[in-house]
Amino acid sequence: MGEEVRDCTDALDAAGNTTAAIGKGFAIGSAALVSLALYGAFVVRLGITTGVNILEPLTFSFLLVGSMLPYWFSALTMKSVGEAAGAMVAEVKHQFKSDDRLMKGTAPKAVIAANRERCIAISTTASLREMIAPSALVMFAPLVAGTFFGVYAVFGLLTGGLVSGVQLAISMSNTGGAWDNAKKFIEQKLSDDPELKKGKGTDVHKAAVVGDTVGDPLKDTSGPALNILMKLMAILSLVFADYFWSINEGKGLFNVAVAVARR
């Protein structure tokens, strides 16, 4: 299709990035409120009426751990996107090297379909396999904290994950969309800056391409996935509340071991 078609689709894509950021902000706010409600239900389920004191050493320690979890989770998902993209590039290179007809545009439709299926298989397989580690992190973090260190450790973990996760999710969603739009802004030469008006092939454009490459997984993978991190940790904590309390009245196996050692 002609260049005018690309101009229209780029404008629509830029508008979509902006409006999507608003929708993702709503989803992030919704996830934060749901997580907070589940956190309150967790406290009520345990029958704690005196409130949660974050200045308690154990609670504060796990508040720091919980604040770290969204960054760890995001690092895992960003790395997964990079590895899947690398595998896709390697497959496409192999296809072009192994069949000259693809570059010439003379390859049969059956060959093109088979090549396309291999690329799709890379994406679908990676989307399942690469989420094992981030999912395990989210699910096992409250279970390990509650089992070994007690419910007050879980309080800190949920508080840190909620506060840090909201901030990081908002930042990622907006930053990713802005980087994506910055590349289009340079390519369409919309700026009054002479350096930005040069368009493709410049160092400025190359930097914008790097920003777009990082921005896409930020706004489409890691940012939205943090909503699940906040909600799932709170849900699991609520489901296992009675189990946590059954271990030394919510004090965890670590305190049991310390008591046995003192005896």
C-alpha atoms as a PDB file:
ATOM      1  CA  MET A   1       0.000   0.000   0.000  1.00  0.00           C
ATOM      2  CA  GLY A   2       1.008   3.619  -0.463  1.00  0.00           C
ATOM      3  CA  GLU A   3       2.724   5.913   2.020  1.00  0.00           C
ATOM      4  CA  GLU A   4      -0.541   7.724   2.760  1.00  0.00           C
ATOM      5  CA  VAL A   5      -1.938   4.482   4.202  1.00  0.00           C
ATOM      6  CA  ARG A   6       1.023   4.187   6.567  1.00  0.00           C
ATOM      7  CA  ASP A   7       0.537   7.819   7.628  1.00  0.00           C
ATOM      8  CA  CYS A   8      -3.094   7.098   8.557  1.00  0.00           C
ATOM      9  CA  THR A   9      -2.314   3.882  10.430  1.00  0.00           C
ATOM     10  CA  ASP A  10       0.576   5.511  12.342  1.00  0.00           C
ATOM     11  CA  ALA A  11      -1.721   8.345  13.433  1.00  0.00           C
ATOM     12  CA  LEU A  12      -4.325   5.832  14.578  1.00  0.00           C
ATOM     13  CA  ASP A  13      -1.653   3.792  16.384  1.00  0.00           C
ATOM     14  CA  ALA A  14      -0.386   6.915  18.189  1.00  0.00           C
ATOM     15  CA  ALA A  15      -3.939   7.812  19.229  1.00  0.00           C
ATOM     16  CA  GLY A  16      -4.472   4.216  20.352  1.00  0.00           C
ATOM     17  CA  ASN A  17      -1.352   4.312  22.535  1.00  0.00           C
ATOM     18  CA  THR A  18      -2.655   7.430  24.275  1.00  0.00           C
ATOM     19  CA  THR A  19      -6.196   6.182  24.843  1.00  0.00           C
ATOM     20  CA  ALA A  20      -4.925   2.747  25.862  1.00  0.00           C
ATOM     21  CA  ALA A  21      -2.800   4.375  28.561  1.00  0.00           C
ATOM     22  CA  ILE A  22      -5.991   5.883  29.991  1.00  0.00           C
ATOM     23  CA  GLY A  23      -7.714   2.483  29.932  1.00  0.00           C
ATOM     24  CA  LYS A  24      -4.716   0.826  31.538  1.00  0.00           C
ATOM     25  CA  GLY A  25      -4.750   3.504  34.231  1.00  0.00           C
ATOM     26  CA  PHE A  26      -8.337   2.565  35.001  1.00  0.00           C
ATOM     27  CA  ALA A  27      -7.378  -1.127  35.138  1.00  0.00           C
ATOM     28  CA  ILE A  28      -4.455  -0.352  37.458  1.00  0.00           C
ATOM     29  CA  GLY A  29      -6.679   1.674  39.787  1.00  0.00           C
ATOM     30  CA  SER A  30      -9.259  -1.111  39.780  1.00  0.00           C
ATOM     31  CA  ALA A  31      -6.598  -3.697  40.600  1.00  0.00           C
ATOM     32  CA  ALA A  32      -5.300  -1.530  43.451  1.00  0.00           C
ATOM     33  CA  LEU A  33      -8.766  -1.208  44.991  1.00  0.00           C
ATOM     34  CA  VAL A  34      -9.480  -4.923  44.594  1.00  0.00           C
ATOM     35  CA  SER A  35      -6.133  -5.778  46.169  1.00  0.00           C
ATOM     36  CA  LEU A  36      -6.816  -3.400  49.057  1.00  0.00           C
ATOM     37  CA  ALA A  37     -10.259  -4.924  49.611  1.00  0.00           C
ATOM     38  CA  LEU A  38      -8.814  -8.440  49.624  1.00  0.00           C
ATOM     39  CA  TYR A  39      -6.093  -7.271  52.010  1.00  0.00           C
ATOM     40  CA  GLY A  40      -8.802  -6.002  54.376  1.00  0.00           C
ATOM     41  CA  ALA A  41     -10.671  -9.293  54.070  1.00  0.00           C
ATOM     42  CA  PHE A  42      -7.436 -11.127  54.920  1.00  0.00           C
ATOM     43  CA  VAL A  43      -7.017  -9.087  58.111  1.00  0.00           C
ATOM     44  CA  VAL A  44     -10.667  -9.584  59.097  1.00  0.00           C
ATOM     45  CA  ARG A  45     -10.441 -13.317  58.398  1.00  0.00           C
ATOM     46  CA  LEU A  46      -7.579 -13.574  60.869  1.00  0.00           C
ATOM     47  CA  GLY A  47      -9.604 -11.696  63.505  1.00  0.00           C
ATOM     48  CA  ILE A  48      -6.997  -8.961  63.975  1.00  0.00           C
ATOM     49  CA  THR A  49      -8.785  -5.871  65.330  1.00  0.00           C
ATOM     50  CA  THR A  50      -5.825  -3.817  66.557  1.00  0.00           C
ATOM     51  CA  GLY A  51      -4.599  -2.958  63.063  1.00  0.00           C
ATOM     52  CA  VAL A  52      -1.275  -3.641  61.380  1.00  0.00           C
ATOM     53  CA  ASN A  53       1.829  -1.847  62.613  1.00  0.00           C
ATOM     54  CA  ILE A  54       4.325  -1.516  59.760  1.00  0.00           C
ATOM     55  CA  LEU A  55       7.014  -0.428  62.231  1.00  0.00           C
ATOM     56  CA  GLU A  56       7.214  -3.992  63.530  1.00  0.00           C
ATOM     57  CA  PRO A  57      10.632  -5.304  62.388  1.00  0.00           C
ATOM     58  CA  LEU A  58       9.218  -8.377  60.650  1.00  0.00           C
ATOM     59  CA  THR A  59       6.426  -6.468  58.903  1.00  0.00           C
ATOM     60  CA  PHE A  60       8.767  -3.696  57.786  1.00  0.00           C
ATOM     61  CA  SER A  61      11.339  -6.187  56.509  1.00  0.00           C
ATOM     62  CA  PHE A  62       8.781  -7.903  54.330  1.00  0.00           C
ATOM     63  CA  LEU A  63       7.394  -4.540  53.224  1.00  0.00           C
ATOM     64  CA  LEU A  64      10.789  -3.996  51.579  1.00  0.00           C
ATOM     65  CA  VAL A  65      10.666  -7.482  50.072  1.00  0.00           C
ATOM     66  CA  GLY A  66       7.138  -6.846  48.776  1.00  0.00           C
ATOM     67  CA  SER A  67       8.252  -3.550  47.240  1.00  0.00           C
ATOM     68  CA  MET A  68      10.954  -5.427  45.359  1.00  0.00           C
ATOM     69  CA  LEU A  69       8.623  -8.082  43.916  1.00  0.00           C
ATOM     70  CA  PRO A  70       7.076  -5.926  41.130  1.00  0.00           C
ATOM     71  CA  TYR A  71      10.568  -5.042  39.880  1.00  0.00           C
ATOM     72  CA  TRP A  72      11.659  -8.678  39.944  1.00  0.00           C
ATOM     73  CA  PHE A  73       8.447  -9.730  38.211  1.00  0.00           C
ATOM     74  CA  SER A  74       8.841  -7.019  35.555  1.00  0.00           C
ATOM     75  CA  ALA A  75      12.450  -7.998  34.928  1.00  0.00           C
ATOM     76  CA  LEU A  76      11.388 -11.595  34.302  1.00  0.00           C
ATOM     77  CA  THR A  77       8.613 -10.621  31.879  1.00  0.00           C
ATOM     78  CA  MET A  78      10.805  -8.120  30.001  1.00  0.00           C
ATOM     79  CA  LYS A  79      13.527 -10.744  29.643  1.00  0.00           C
ATOM     80  CA  SER A  80      10.957 -13.243  28.362  1.00  0.00           C
ATOM     81  CA  VAL A  81       9.784 -10.843  25.662  1.00  0.00           C
ATOM     82  CA  GLY A  82      13.377 -10.273  24.562  1.00  0.00           C
ATOM     83  CA  GLU A  83      14.132 -13.987  24.358  1.00  0.00           C
ATOM     84  CA  ALA A  84      10.937 -14.730  22.413  1.00  0.00           C
ATOM     85  CA  ALA A  85      11.683 -11.889  20.007  1.00  0.00           C
ATOM     86  CA  GLY A  86      15.233 -13.188  19.537  1.00  0.00           C
ATOM     87  CA  ALA A  87      13.933 -16.642  18.722  1.00  0.00           C
ATOM     88  CA  MET A  88      11.508 -15.129  16.197  1.00  0.00           C
ATOM     89  CA  VAL A  89      14.269 -13.142  14.486  1.00  0.00           C
ATOM     90  CA  ALA A  90      16.478 -16.237  14.281  1.00  0.00           C
ATOM     91  CA  GLU A  91      13.629 -18.228  12.707  1.00  0.00           C
ATOM     92  CA  VAL A  92      12.870 -15.536  10.117  1.00  0.00           C
ATOM     93  CA  LYS A  93      16.566 -15.245   9.199  1.00  0.00           C
ATOM     94  CA  HIS A  94      16.725 -19.009   8.776  1.00  0.00           C
ATOM     95  CA  GLN A  95      13.673 -18.971   6.521  1.00  0.00           C
ATOM     96  CA  PHE A  96      15.099 -16.293   4.241  1.00  0.00           C
ATOM     97  CA  LYS A  97      18.486 -18.017   4.035  1.00  0.00           C
ATOM     98  CA  SER A  98      17.019 -21.437   3.301  1.00  0.00           C
ATOM     99  CA  ASP A  99      14.618 -20.303   0.555  1.00  0.00           C
ATOM    100  CA  ASP A 100      15.552 -17.528  -1.911  1.00  0.00           C
ATOM    101  CA  ARG A 101      11.995 -17.450  -3.250  1.00  0.00           C
ATOM    102  CA  LEU A 102      10.820 -15.668  -0.103  1.00  0.00           C
ATOM    103  CA  MET A 103      12.907 -12.555  -0.848  1.00  0.00           C
ATOM    104  CA  LYS A 104      11.888 -12.612  -4.512  1.00  0.00           C
ATOM    105  CA  GLY A 105       8.198 -12.955  -3.665  1.00  0.00           C
ATOM    106  CA  THR A 106       7.801 -16.127  -5.726  1.00  0.00           C
ATOM    107  CA  ALA A 107       7.409 -18.658  -2.902  1.00  0.00           C
ATOM    108  CA  PRO A 108       4.252 -20.829  -3.059  1.00  0.00           C
ATOM    109  CA  LYS A 109       1.454 -20.024  -0.628  1.00  0.00           C
ATOM    110  CA  ALA A 110       1.903 -23.416   1.054  1.00  0.00           C
ATOM    111  CA  VAL A 111       5.536 -22.594   1.889  1.00  0.00           C
ATOM    112  CA  ILE A 112       4.606 -19.162   3.212  1.00  0.00           C
ATOM    113  CA  ALA A 113       1.836 -20.664   5.362  1.00  0.00           C
ATOM    114  CA  ALA A 114       4.197 -23.292   6.810  1.00  0.00           C
ATOM    115  CA  ASN A 115       6.783 -20.631   7.656  1.00  0.00           C
ATOM    116  CA  ARG A 116       4.143 -18.483   9.260  1.00  0.00           C
ATOM    117  CA  GLU A 117       2.946 -21.379  11.397  1.00  0.00           C
ATOM    118  CA  ARG A 118       6.475 -21.924  12.719  1.00  0.00           C
ATOM    119  CA  CYS A 119       6.655 -18.260  13.771  1.00  0.00           C
ATOM    120  CA  ILE A 120       3.256 -18.472  15.455  1.00  0.00           C
ATOM    121  CA  ALA A 121       4.386 -21.605  17.292  1.00  0.00           C
ATOM    122  CA  ILE A 122       7.399 -19.709  18.668  1.00  0.00           C
ATOM    123  CA  SER A 123       5.146 -16.981  20.090  1.00  0.00           C
ATOM    124  CA  THR A 124       2.514 -19.285  21.574  1.00  0.00           C
ATOM    125  CA  THR A 125       5.084 -21.641  23.104  1.00  0.00           C
ATOM    126  CA  ALA A 126       7.070 -18.757  24.590  1.00  0.00           C
ATOM    127  CA  SER A 127       3.922 -17.122  25.998  1.00  0.00           C
ATOM    128  CA  LEU A 128       3.269 -20.252  28.070  1.00  0.00           C
ATOM    129  CA  ARG A 129       6.782 -21.397  28.925  1.00  0.00           C
ATOM    130  CA  GLU A 130       8.182 -17.973  29.824  1.00  0.00           C
ATOM    131  CA  MET A 131       5.369 -17.208  32.284  1.00  0.00           C
ATOM    132  CA  ILE A 132       6.221 -20.131  34.538  1.00  0.00           C
ATOM    133  CA  ALA A 133       8.886 -18.268  36.521  1.00  0.00           C
ATOM    134  CA  PRO A 134       6.928 -14.979  36.997  1.00  0.00           C
ATOM    135  CA  SER A 135       3.792 -16.919  37.949  1.00  0.00           C
ATOM    136  CA  ALA A 136       5.707 -19.027  40.467  1.00  0.00           C
ATOM    137  CA  LEU A 137       7.174 -15.863  41.987  1.00  0.00           C
ATOM    138  CA  VAL A 138       3.735 -14.321  42.515  1.00  0.00           C
ATOM    139  CA  MET A 139       2.136 -17.484  43.872  1.00  0.00           C
ATOM    140  CA  PHE A 140       4.908 -18.728  46.139  1.00  0.00           C
ATOM    141  CA  ALA A 141       5.917 -15.370  47.667  1.00  0.00           C
ATOM    142  CA  PRO A 142       2.907 -15.063  50.048  1.00  0.00           C
ATOM    143  CA  LEU A 143       2.852 -18.811  50.697  1.00  0.00           C
ATOM    144  CA  VAL A 144       6.518 -18.904  51.718  1.00  0.00           C
ATOM    145  CA  ALA A 145       6.203 -15.719  53.785  1.00  0.00           C
ATOM    146  CA  GLY A 146       3.093 -16.947  55.612  1.00  0.00           C
ATOM    147  CA  THR A 147       4.367 -20.484  56.172  1.00  0.00           C
ATOM    148  CA  PHE A 148       7.813 -19.641  57.499  1.00  0.00           C
ATOM    149  CA  PHE A 149       7.477 -16.137  58.940  1.00  0.00           C
ATOM    150  CA  GLY A 150       3.796 -15.762  59.784  1.00  0.00           C
ATOM    151  CA  VAL A 151       0.900 -13.491  58.937  1.00  0.00           C
ATOM    152  CA  TYR A 152       2.679 -10.276  59.890  1.00  0.00           C
ATOM    153  CA  ALA A 153       5.249 -11.004  57.195  1.00  0.00           C
ATOM    154  CA  VAL A 154       2.395 -11.412  54.715  1.00  0.00           C
ATOM    155  CA  PHE A 155       0.995  -8.040  55.819  1.00  0.00           C
ATOM    156  CA  GLY A 156       4.273  -6.394  54.903  1.00  0.00           C
ATOM    157  CA  LEU A 157       4.572  -8.325  51.641  1.00  0.00           C
ATOM    158  CA  LEU A 158       1.085  -7.297  50.464  1.00  0.00           C
ATOM    159  CA  THR A 159       1.576  -3.670  51.491  1.00  0.00           C
ATOM    160  CA  GLY A 160       4.895  -3.368  49.661  1.00  0.00           C
ATOM    161  CA  GLY A 161       3.640  -5.175  46.563  1.00  0.00           C
ATOM    162  CA  LEU A 162       0.527  -2.988  46.363  1.00  0.00           C
ATOM    163  CA  VAL A 163       2.242   0.377  46.780  1.00  0.00           C
ATOM    164  CA  SER A 164       5.226  -0.427  44.576  1.00  0.00           C
ATOM    165  CA  GLY A 165       3.156  -2.277  41.972  1.00  0.00           C
ATOM    166  CA  VAL A 166       0.733   0.626  41.403  1.00  0.00           C
ATOM    167  CA  GLN A 167       3.516   3.135  40.881  1.00  0.00           C
ATOM    168  CA  LEU A 168       5.501   0.863  38.586  1.00  0.00           C
ATOM    169  CA  ALA A 169       2.461  -0.144  36.514  1.00  0.00           C
ATOM    170  CA  ILE A 170       1.453   3.486  35.908  1.00  0.00           C
ATOM    171  CA  SER A 171       5.018   4.409  35.007  1.00  0.00           C
ATOM    172  CA  MET A 172       5.427   1.502  32.590  1.00  0.00           C
ATOM    173  CA  SER A 173       2.106   2.027  30.828  1.00  0.00           C
ATOM    174  CA  ASN A 174       2.705   5.728  30.217  1.00  0.00           C
ATOM    175  CA  THR A 175       6.417   5.479  29.446  1.00  0.00           C
ATOM    176  CA  GLY A 176       5.950   2.659  26.943  1.00  0.00           C
ATOM    177  CA  GLY A 177       3.256   4.552  25.034  1.00  0.00           C
ATOM    178  CA  ALA A 178       5.339   7.742  25.023  1.00  0.00           C
ATOM    179  CA  TRP A 179       8.407   5.936  23.612  1.00  0.00           C
ATOM    180  CA  ASP A 180       6.297   4.271  20.937  1.00  0.00           C
ATOM    181  CA  ASN A 181       4.791   7.613  19.899  1.00  0.00           C
ATOM    182  CA  ALA A 182       8.201   9.314  19.974  1.00  0.00           C
ATOM    183  CA  LYS A 183       9.428   7.057  17.180  1.00  0.00           C
ATOM    184  CA  LYS A 184       6.377   7.871  15.026  1.00  0.00           C
ATOM    185  CA  PHE A 185       6.820  11.563  15.821  1.00  0.00           C
ATOM    186  CA  ILE A 186      10.361  11.461  14.423  1.00  0.00           C
ATOM    187  CA  GLU A 187       9.501   9.299  11.408  1.00  0.00           C
ATOM    188  CA  GLN A 188       6.700  11.652  10.323  1.00  0.00           C
ATOM    189  CA  LYS A 189       8.949  14.729  10.805  1.00  0.00           C
ATOM    190  CA  LEU A 190       6.348  16.564  12.885  1.00  0.00           C
ATOM    191  CA  SER A 191       8.810  18.409  15.124  1.00  0.00           C
ATOM    192  CA  ASP A 192      10.095  21.961  14.658  1.00  0.00           C
ATOM    193  CA  ASP A 193      13.524  20.811  15.843  1.00  0.00           C
ATOM    194  CA  PRO A 194      15.898  20.496  12.834  1.00  0.00           C
ATOM    195  CA  GLU A 195      17.500  17.379  14.313  1.00  0.00           C
ATOM    196  CA  LEU A 196      14.142  15.628  14.665  1.00  0.00           C
ATOM    197  CA  LYS A 197      13.009  16.671  11.187  1.00  0.00           C
ATOM    198  CA  LYS A 198      15.690  14.526   9.525  1.00  0.00           C
ATOM    199  CA  GLY A 199      13.570  11.406  10.057  1.00  0.00           C
ATOM    200  CA  LYS A 200      14.818   7.874   9.462  1.00  0.00           C
ATOM    201  CA  GLY A 201      18.479   6.915   9.263  1.00  0.00           C
ATOM    202  CA  THR A 202      19.679   9.415  11.872  1.00  0.00           C
ATOM    203  CA  ASP A 203      21.117   8.733  15.296  1.00  0.00           C
ATOM    204  CA  VAL A 204      18.022  10.329  16.823  1.00  0.00           C
ATOM    205  CA  HIS A 205      15.789   7.895  14.962  1.00  0.00           C
ATOM    206  CA  LYS A 206      17.972   4.950  15.959  1.00  0.00           C
ATOM    207  CA  ALA A 207      17.655   6.000  19.611  1.00  0.00           C
ATOM    208  CA  ALA A 208      13.879   6.273  19.195  1.00  0.00           C
ATOM    209  CA  VAL A 209      13.770   2.744  17.732  1.00  0.00           C
ATOM    210  CA  VAL A 210      15.592   1.466  20.813  1.00  0.00           C
ATOM    211  CA  GLY A 211      13.093   3.321  23.005  1.00  0.00           C
ATOM    212  CA  ASP A 212      10.188   1.789  21.056  1.00  0.00           C
ATOM    213  CA  THR A 213      11.711  -1.690  21.379  1.00  0.00           C
ATOM    214  CA  VAL A 214      11.824  -1.287  25.150  1.00  0.00           C
ATOM    215  CA  GLY A 215       8.522   0.596  25.325  1.00  0.00           C
ATOM    216  CA  ASP A 216       6.384  -2.086  23.669  1.00  0.00           C
ATOM    217  CA  PRO A 217       6.934  -4.758  26.348  1.00  0.00           C
ATOM    218  CA  LEU A 218       6.706  -2.066  29.025  1.00  0.00           C
ATOM    219  CA  LYS A 219       3.200  -0.963  28.000  1.00  0.00           C
ATOM    220  CA  ASP A 220       1.906  -4.277  26.640  1.00  0.00           C
ATOM    221  CA  THR A 221       3.479  -6.925  28.899  1.00  0.00           C
ATOM    222  CA  SER A 222       5.038  -5.885  32.181  1.00  0.00           C
ATOM    223  CA  GLY A 223       2.746  -2.942  33.000  1.00  0.00           C
ATOM    224  CA  PRO A 224      -0.605  -4.743  32.551  1.00  0.00           C
ATOM    225  CA  ALA A 225       0.741  -7.935  34.159  1.00  0.00           C
ATOM    226  CA  LEU A 226       1.434  -6.075  37.416  1.00  0.00           C
ATOM    227  CA  ASN A 227      -2.340  -5.871  37.928  1.00  0.00           C
ATOM    228  CA  ILE A 228      -2.348  -9.649  38.258  1.00  0.00           C
ATOM    229  CA  LEU A 229       0.583  -9.551  40.684  1.00  0.00           C
ATOM    230  CA  MET A 230      -1.277  -7.231  43.058  1.00  0.00           C
ATOM    231  CA  LYS A 231      -4.564  -9.138  42.960  1.00  0.00           C
ATOM    232  CA  LEU A 232      -3.245 -12.694  42.921  1.00  0.00           C
ATOM    233  CA  MET A 233      -1.001 -12.262  45.964  1.00  0.00           C
ATOM    234  CA  ALA A 234      -3.925 -10.856  47.951  1.00  0.00           C
ATOM    235  CA  ILE A 235      -6.288 -13.618  46.785  1.00  0.00           C
ATOM    236  CA  LEU A 236      -3.839 -16.380  47.716  1.00  0.00           C
ATOM    237  CA  SER A 237      -3.204 -14.787  51.105  1.00  0.00           C
ATOM    238  CA  LEU A 238      -6.934 -14.690  51.806  1.00  0.00           C
ATOM    239  CA  VAL A 239      -7.467 -18.293  50.674  1.00  0.00           C
ATOM    240  CA  PHE A 240      -4.619 -19.575  52.854  1.00  0.00           C
ATOM    241  CA  ALA A 241      -5.353 -17.316  55.853  1.00  0.00           C
ATOM    242  CA  ASP A 242      -6.551 -20.185  58.074  1.00  0.00           C
ATOM    243  CA  TYR A 243      -3.531 -22.271  57.094  1.00  0.00           C
ATOM    244  CA  PHE A 244      -1.158 -19.461  58.040  1.00  0.00           C
ATOM    245  CA  TRP A 245      -2.914 -19.021  61.413  1.00  0.00           C
ATOM    246  CA  SER A 246      -2.787 -22.749  62.120  1.00  0.00           C
ATOM    247  CA  ILE A 247       1.026 -22.599  62.200  1.00  0.00           C
ATOM    248  CA  ASN A 248       1.855 -21.435  65.711  1.00  0.00           C
ATOM    249  CA  GLU A 249      -1.087 -18.951  65.736  1.00  0.00           C
ATOM    250  CA  GLY A 250       0.164 -17.210  62.626  1.00  0.00           C
ATOM    251  CA  LYS A 251       3.770 -16.853  63.783  1.00  0.00           C
ATOM    252  CA  GLY A 252       5.204 -19.257  61.205  1.00  0.00           C
ATOM    253  CA  LEU A 253       7.632 -22.145  61.226  1.00  0.00           C
ATOM    254  CA  PHE A 254      10.642 -19.874  61.747  1.00  0.00           C
ATOM    255  CA  ASN A 255       9.413 -18.860  65.207  1.00  0.00           C
ATOM    256  CA  VAL A 256       8.635 -22.486  65.985  1.00  0.00           C
ATOM    257  CA  ALA A 257      12.228 -23.408  65.121  1.00  0.00           C
ATOM    258  CA  VAL A 258      13.575 -20.528  67.231  1.00  0.00           C
ATOM    259  CA  ALA A 259      11.468 -21.625  70.221  1.00  0.00           C
ATOM    260  CA  VAL A 260      12.658 -25.218  69.882  1.00  0.00           C
ATOM    261  CA  ALA A 261      16.288 -24.086  69.654  1.00  0.00           C
ATOM    262  CA  ARG A 262      15.969 -22.020  72.820  1.00  0.00           C
ATOM    263  CA  ARG A 263      14.640 -24.993  74.731  1.00  0.00           C
END
